[in-house]
């Protein structure tokens, strides 16, 4: 219906619930990942997760994604719309 793939939706769920490494900080010889995810109260509430917005990217329909699955990064183009996860079939 929206031209999204399962991978598109799973990427949003992964970053919201499981977290996503954004960068790495270096302290001396040690490296530490910097992870971002939703607060515990939001991650644990199904009704809140249904309101998470899934971006519809130009060219992402039919499996052509703007970001590489091997290296998650922010897309270089803006979404054309956003759909709440609860509104997906």
C-alpha atoms as a PDB file:
ATOM      1  CA  UNK A   1       0.000   0.000   0.000  1.00  0.00           C
ATOM      2  CA  UNK A   2       2.722   2.511   0.899  1.00  0.00           C
ATOM      3  CA  UNK A   3       5.557   0.942  -1.080  1.00  0.00           C
ATOM      4  CA  UNK A   4       7.417  -0.019   2.100  1.00  0.00           C
ATOM      5  CA  UNK A   5       9.368  -3.225   2.469  1.00  0.00           C
ATOM      6  CA  UNK A   6       9.551  -5.331   5.607  1.00  0.00           C
ATOM      7  CA  UNK A   7      13.174  -4.159   5.959  1.00  0.00           C
ATOM      8  CA  UNK A   8      12.050  -0.502   5.970  1.00  0.00           C
ATOM      9  CA  UNK A   9       9.720  -1.136   8.917  1.00  0.00           C
ATOM     10  CA  UNK A  10      12.188  -3.387  10.744  1.00  0.00           C
ATOM     11  CA  UNK A  11      14.854  -0.653  10.563  1.00  0.00           C
ATOM     12  CA  UNK A  12      12.498   1.739  12.369  1.00  0.00           C
ATOM     13  CA  UNK A  13      11.620  -0.869  15.009  1.00  0.00           C
ATOM     14  CA  UNK A  14      15.278  -1.776  15.504  1.00  0.00           C
ATOM     15  CA  UNK A  15      16.351   1.803  16.092  1.00  0.00           C
ATOM     16  CA  UNK A  16      13.401   2.626  18.391  1.00  0.00           C
ATOM     17  CA  UNK A  17      13.367  -0.530  20.515  1.00  0.00           C
ATOM     18  CA  UNK A  18      16.744  -2.182  20.151  1.00  0.00           C
ATOM     19  CA  UNK A  19      18.823   0.905  19.632  1.00  0.00           C
ATOM     20  CA  UNK A  20      21.238   1.908  16.923  1.00  0.00           C
ATOM     21  CA  UNK A  21      24.919   2.779  17.172  1.00  0.00           C
ATOM     22  CA  UNK A  22      25.332   6.339  15.918  1.00  0.00           C
ATOM     23  CA  UNK A  23      29.041   6.783  16.383  1.00  0.00           C
ATOM     24  CA  UNK A  24      32.015   5.673  18.433  1.00  0.00           C
ATOM     25  CA  UNK A  25      33.800   7.727  21.050  1.00  0.00           C
ATOM     26  CA  UNK A  26      37.523   7.259  21.622  1.00  0.00           C
ATOM     27  CA  UNK A  27      39.032   7.646  25.079  1.00  0.00           C
ATOM     28  CA  UNK A  28      42.744   6.960  24.943  1.00  0.00           C
ATOM     29  CA  UNK A  29      43.089   3.524  23.345  1.00  0.00           C
ATOM     30  CA  UNK A  30      39.537   2.461  24.188  1.00  0.00           C
ATOM     31  CA  UNK A  31      36.553   2.833  21.886  1.00  0.00           C
ATOM     32  CA  UNK A  32      32.952   2.952  23.078  1.00  0.00           C
ATOM     33  CA  UNK A  33      29.794   2.877  20.921  1.00  0.00           C
ATOM     34  CA  UNK A  34      27.253   5.675  21.342  1.00  0.00           C
ATOM     35  CA  UNK A  35      23.786   4.101  21.133  1.00  0.00           C
ATOM     36  CA  UNK A  36      20.405   5.799  20.710  1.00  0.00           C
ATOM     37  CA  UNK A  37      17.001   4.270  21.474  1.00  0.00           C
ATOM     38  CA  UNK A  38      13.634   5.282  22.917  1.00  0.00           C
ATOM     39  CA  UNK A  39      13.164   5.616  26.659  1.00  0.00           C
ATOM     40  CA  UNK A  40      12.138   2.431  28.478  1.00  0.00           C
ATOM     41  CA  UNK A  41       8.601   3.753  29.102  1.00  0.00           C
ATOM     42  CA  UNK A  42       8.060   4.285  25.360  1.00  0.00           C
ATOM     43  CA  UNK A  43       9.707   1.014  24.285  1.00  0.00           C
ATOM     44  CA  UNK A  44       7.531  -1.045  26.622  1.00  0.00           C
ATOM     45  CA  UNK A  45       4.171   0.426  25.650  1.00  0.00           C
ATOM     46  CA  UNK A  46       2.534  -1.077  22.540  1.00  0.00           C
ATOM     47  CA  UNK A  47       0.157   1.875  22.121  1.00  0.00           C
ATOM     48  CA  UNK A  48       3.123   4.289  22.068  1.00  0.00           C
ATOM     49  CA  UNK A  49       4.980   2.097  19.557  1.00  0.00           C
ATOM     50  CA  UNK A  50       1.955   2.175  17.250  1.00  0.00           C
ATOM     51  CA  UNK A  51       2.436   5.951  17.006  1.00  0.00           C
ATOM     52  CA  UNK A  52       6.083   5.685  15.883  1.00  0.00           C
ATOM     53  CA  UNK A  53       6.352   7.280  12.454  1.00  0.00           C
ATOM     54  CA  UNK A  54       7.780   5.279   9.551  1.00  0.00           C
ATOM     55  CA  UNK A  55       9.237   7.574   6.862  1.00  0.00           C
ATOM     56  CA  UNK A  56       8.252   7.057   3.236  1.00  0.00           C
ATOM     57  CA  UNK A  57      11.371   7.790   1.225  1.00  0.00           C
ATOM     58  CA  UNK A  58      11.361   8.654  -2.466  1.00  0.00           C
ATOM     59  CA  UNK A  59      12.657   5.632  -4.363  1.00  0.00           C
ATOM     60  CA  UNK A  60      12.295   3.273  -1.386  1.00  0.00           C
ATOM     61  CA  UNK A  61       9.282   1.479  -2.841  1.00  0.00           C
ATOM     62  CA  UNK A  62       9.662  -2.020  -4.197  1.00  0.00           C
ATOM     63  CA  UNK A  63      12.791  -2.674  -2.152  1.00  0.00           C
ATOM     64  CA  UNK A  64      15.139   0.077  -3.363  1.00  0.00           C
ATOM     65  CA  UNK A  65      16.331   1.677  -0.143  1.00  0.00           C
ATOM     66  CA  UNK A  66      18.344   4.879   0.103  1.00  0.00           C
ATOM     67  CA  UNK A  67      20.575   3.537   2.885  1.00  0.00           C
ATOM     68  CA  UNK A  68      22.849   0.521   2.773  1.00  0.00           C
ATOM     69  CA  UNK A  69      21.769  -2.406   4.986  1.00  0.00           C
ATOM     70  CA  UNK A  70      25.393  -3.188   5.901  1.00  0.00           C
ATOM     71  CA  UNK A  71      26.017   0.295   7.290  1.00  0.00           C
ATOM     72  CA  UNK A  72      22.931   1.940   8.817  1.00  0.00           C
ATOM     73  CA  UNK A  73      23.010   5.678   8.275  1.00  0.00           C
ATOM     74  CA  UNK A  74      20.670   8.572   7.931  1.00  0.00           C
ATOM     75  CA  UNK A  75      19.225   8.866   4.427  1.00  0.00           C
ATOM     76  CA  UNK A  76      20.635  11.734   2.374  1.00  0.00           C
ATOM     77  CA  UNK A  77      17.158  12.793   1.219  1.00  0.00           C
ATOM     78  CA  UNK A  78      14.072  13.882   3.128  1.00  0.00           C
ATOM     79  CA  UNK A  79      11.017  11.639   3.527  1.00  0.00           C
ATOM     80  CA  UNK A  80       8.011  12.477   1.359  1.00  0.00           C
ATOM     81  CA  UNK A  81       5.600  11.489   4.158  1.00  0.00           C
ATOM     82  CA  UNK A  82       5.428   9.615   7.464  1.00  0.00           C
ATOM     83  CA  UNK A  83       2.977   6.886   8.422  1.00  0.00           C
ATOM     84  CA  UNK A  84       2.276   5.747  12.017  1.00  0.00           C
ATOM     85  CA  UNK A  85       3.299   2.128  12.544  1.00  0.00           C
ATOM     86  CA  UNK A  86      -0.211   1.314  13.747  1.00  0.00           C
ATOM     87  CA  UNK A  87      -1.572   2.381  10.348  1.00  0.00           C
ATOM     88  CA  UNK A  88       0.471  -0.143   8.400  1.00  0.00           C
ATOM     89  CA  UNK A  89      -1.291  -3.239   7.078  1.00  0.00           C
END
